[in-house]
Structures are given as structure tokens and as C-alpha cells.
Amino acid sequence: MTSPRPDSVTCLACREHARVQHLRLAEQLQHLATMPGSTITPARAHRVAEHHRDLARKFAAGD
């Protein structure tokens, strides 16, 4: 099982997979906020999406 902490993941394939998944989730969150009837506000979606983009950067950088 892969760690959710970027600094604990040594497998390059696992790091890339995590990076892609975090970027995908960020995009989905941004899209969800624009849908009619969505309970997530655009501001909240932006904050959470930025958190996932930051995690994606950390997985890519190998920090």
C-alpha cells in the first residue's frame, strides 16, 4: 500500500500514479463547484484543489 505522504514513497511509478491522481481530483473538484445544485462553493473547491495540486507537485519533486 502506498503512503499518502510524498516523502515516504520511493517507488517512481507509485509517485507518478499519486501525482496523476491528485491532479485529476483537483480538476474534478473545480468542475464540481460549477455544477448546478452543487453543495461545494467555488472558493472551497479552489482551496481543496490547490491542496491536491500541491500534493501532486510534492510527489513529482520527490521531496
N, C-alpha and C. Protein backbone atom coordinates (compact mmCIF):
# COMPACT_ATOMS: atom_id res chain seq x y z
N MET A 1 0.85 -1.17 0.00
CA MET A 1 0.00 0.00 0.00
C MET A 1 0.90 1.24 0.00
N THR A 2 0.58 2.19 -0.84
CA THR A 2 1.40 3.40 -0.97
C THR A 2 1.04 4.42 0.10
N SER A 3 2.04 5.03 0.66
CA SER A 3 1.85 6.06 1.69
C SER A 3 1.25 7.31 1.06
N PRO A 4 0.37 8.01 1.79
CA PRO A 4 -0.16 9.28 1.29
C PRO A 4 0.84 10.43 1.46
N ARG A 5 1.95 10.15 2.15
CA ARG A 5 2.98 11.18 2.38
C ARG A 5 4.04 11.09 1.28
N PRO A 6 4.19 12.14 0.48
CA PRO A 6 5.15 12.10 -0.63
C PRO A 6 6.58 11.75 -0.21
N ASP A 7 6.99 12.18 0.96
CA ASP A 7 8.37 11.93 1.39
C ASP A 7 8.61 10.46 1.77
N SER A 8 7.55 9.67 1.87
CA SER A 8 7.69 8.26 2.23
C SER A 8 7.62 7.32 1.04
N VAL A 9 7.33 7.83 -0.13
CA VAL A 9 7.15 6.98 -1.31
C VAL A 9 8.45 6.97 -2.12
N THR A 10 9.04 5.79 -2.28
CA THR A 10 10.30 5.68 -3.01
C THR A 10 10.11 5.13 -4.42
N CYS A 11 9.03 4.43 -4.67
CA CYS A 11 8.76 3.84 -5.98
C CYS A 11 8.37 4.94 -6.97
N LEU A 12 9.13 5.07 -8.05
CA LEU A 12 8.86 6.13 -9.03
C LEU A 12 7.50 5.97 -9.69
N ALA A 13 7.12 4.75 -10.00
CA ALA A 13 5.81 4.51 -10.61
C ALA A 13 4.68 4.90 -9.66
N CYS A 14 4.86 4.61 -8.39
CA CYS A 14 3.85 4.97 -7.38
C CYS A 14 3.76 6.48 -7.22
N ARG A 15 4.91 7.15 -7.27
CA ARG A 15 4.93 8.62 -7.15
C ARG A 15 4.18 9.24 -8.33
N GLU A 16 4.44 8.72 -9.54
CA GLU A 16 3.77 9.26 -10.73
C GLU A 16 2.27 9.00 -10.68
N HIS A 17 1.89 7.82 -10.24
CA HIS A 17 0.47 7.49 -10.11
C HIS A 17 -0.21 8.44 -9.13
N ALA A 18 0.40 8.66 -8.00
CA ALA A 18 -0.17 9.58 -7.00
C ALA A 18 -0.27 10.99 -7.56
N ARG A 19 0.75 11.43 -8.27
CA ARG A 19 0.73 12.77 -8.88
C ARG A 19 -0.45 12.93 -9.82
N VAL A 20 -0.63 11.94 -10.69
CA VAL A 20 -1.72 11.99 -11.67
C VAL A 20 -3.08 11.98 -10.97
N GLN A 21 -3.22 11.15 -9.95
CA GLN A 21 -4.50 11.06 -9.25
C GLN A 21 -4.84 12.35 -8.51
N HIS A 22 -3.85 12.98 -7.91
CA HIS A 22 -4.11 14.25 -7.21
C HIS A 22 -4.48 15.36 -8.20
N LEU A 23 -3.82 15.38 -9.35
CA LEU A 23 -4.18 16.37 -10.37
C LEU A 23 -5.60 16.12 -10.91
N ARG A 24 -5.93 14.86 -11.10
CA ARG A 24 -7.26 14.51 -11.57
C ARG A 24 -8.34 14.93 -10.57
N LEU A 25 -8.10 14.68 -9.30
CA LEU A 25 -9.05 15.06 -8.27
C LEU A 25 -9.22 16.58 -8.21
N ALA A 26 -8.13 17.30 -8.35
CA ALA A 26 -8.20 18.76 -8.34
C ALA A 26 -9.10 19.27 -9.47
N GLU A 27 -8.95 18.70 -10.65
CA GLU A 27 -9.79 19.11 -11.78
C GLU A 27 -11.25 18.76 -11.54
N GLN A 28 -11.50 17.59 -10.98
CA GLN A 28 -12.87 17.18 -10.69
C GLN A 28 -13.53 18.10 -9.67
N LEU A 29 -12.78 18.50 -8.67
CA LEU A 29 -13.32 19.41 -7.66
C LEU A 29 -13.69 20.76 -8.28
N GLN A 30 -12.83 21.27 -9.12
CA GLN A 30 -13.10 22.56 -9.77
C GLN A 30 -14.36 22.44 -10.62
N HIS A 31 -14.51 21.33 -11.32
CA HIS A 31 -15.68 21.12 -12.17
C HIS A 31 -16.94 20.98 -11.32
N LEU A 32 -16.85 20.23 -10.22
CA LEU A 32 -17.99 20.01 -9.34
C LEU A 32 -18.57 21.31 -8.82
N ALA A 33 -17.72 22.26 -8.51
CA ALA A 33 -18.18 23.54 -7.95
C ALA A 33 -19.01 24.33 -8.94
N THR A 34 -18.85 24.08 -10.23
CA THR A 34 -19.59 24.84 -11.24
C THR A 34 -20.92 24.18 -11.62
N MET A 35 -21.18 23.00 -11.11
CA MET A 35 -22.40 22.29 -11.47
C MET A 35 -23.60 22.84 -10.69
N PRO A 36 -24.74 22.96 -11.36
CA PRO A 36 -25.95 23.44 -10.68
C PRO A 36 -26.31 22.53 -9.51
N GLY A 37 -26.64 23.12 -8.39
CA GLY A 37 -27.03 22.36 -7.21
C GLY A 37 -25.88 21.83 -6.38
N SER A 38 -24.67 22.15 -6.77
CA SER A 38 -23.51 21.67 -6.03
C SER A 38 -23.49 22.27 -4.63
N THR A 39 -23.14 21.46 -3.66
CA THR A 39 -23.07 21.96 -2.28
C THR A 39 -21.69 22.49 -1.92
N ILE A 40 -20.76 22.34 -2.81
CA ILE A 40 -19.42 22.87 -2.57
C ILE A 40 -19.30 24.23 -3.27
N THR A 41 -18.82 25.21 -2.54
CA THR A 41 -18.69 26.55 -3.11
C THR A 41 -17.44 26.62 -3.98
N PRO A 42 -17.44 27.53 -4.95
CA PRO A 42 -16.24 27.67 -5.79
C PRO A 42 -14.99 27.99 -4.97
N ALA A 43 -15.13 28.81 -3.93
CA ALA A 43 -13.97 29.16 -3.10
C ALA A 43 -13.43 27.93 -2.38
N ARG A 44 -14.31 27.13 -1.83
CA ARG A 44 -13.89 25.91 -1.11
C ARG A 44 -13.25 24.92 -2.10
N ALA A 45 -13.87 24.78 -3.26
CA ALA A 45 -13.32 23.87 -4.27
C ALA A 45 -11.93 24.32 -4.69
N HIS A 46 -11.75 25.62 -4.83
CA HIS A 46 -10.44 26.14 -5.22
C HIS A 46 -9.38 25.82 -4.16
N ARG A 47 -9.73 26.03 -2.89
CA ARG A 47 -8.78 25.75 -1.80
C ARG A 47 -8.39 24.27 -1.77
N VAL A 48 -9.38 23.41 -1.87
CA VAL A 48 -9.10 21.97 -1.81
C VAL A 48 -8.34 21.52 -3.06
N ALA A 49 -8.70 22.06 -4.22
CA ALA A 49 -7.99 21.73 -5.45
C ALA A 49 -6.53 22.16 -5.36
N GLU A 50 -6.28 23.33 -4.81
CA GLU A 50 -4.89 23.79 -4.65
C GLU A 50 -4.12 22.88 -3.71
N HIS A 51 -4.77 22.38 -2.69
CA HIS A 51 -4.12 21.43 -1.77
C HIS A 51 -3.69 20.18 -2.55
N HIS A 52 -4.57 19.67 -3.40
CA HIS A 52 -4.24 18.47 -4.17
C HIS A 52 -3.18 18.76 -5.23
N ARG A 53 -3.20 19.94 -5.81
CA ARG A 53 -2.14 20.30 -6.77
C ARG A 53 -0.79 20.41 -6.06
N ASP A 54 -0.81 20.92 -4.83
CA ASP A 54 0.43 21.00 -4.06
C ASP A 54 0.97 19.60 -3.76
N LEU A 55 0.08 18.69 -3.39
CA LEU A 55 0.50 17.30 -3.16
C LEU A 55 1.06 16.70 -4.44
N ALA A 56 0.43 16.98 -5.56
CA ALA A 56 0.92 16.46 -6.85
C ALA A 56 2.34 16.97 -7.12
N ARG A 57 2.58 18.26 -6.84
CA ARG A 57 3.92 18.82 -7.02
C ARG A 57 4.93 18.12 -6.12
N LYS A 58 4.53 17.82 -4.90
CA LYS A 58 5.45 17.15 -3.97
C LYS A 58 5.76 15.72 -4.42
N PHE A 59 4.77 15.02 -4.95
CA PHE A 59 5.03 13.68 -5.45
C PHE A 59 5.94 13.75 -6.67
N ALA A 60 5.77 14.76 -7.51
CA ALA A 60 6.60 14.89 -8.71
C ALA A 60 8.05 15.27 -8.37
N ALA A 61 8.19 16.10 -7.35
CA ALA A 61 9.52 16.61 -7.00
C ALA A 61 10.36 15.58 -6.23
N GLY A 62 9.71 14.66 -5.58
CA GLY A 62 10.46 13.67 -4.81
C GLY A 62 10.92 14.20 -3.46
N ASP A 63 10.25 15.25 -2.98
CA ASP A 63 10.60 15.83 -1.67
C ASP A 63 10.09 14.97 -0.54
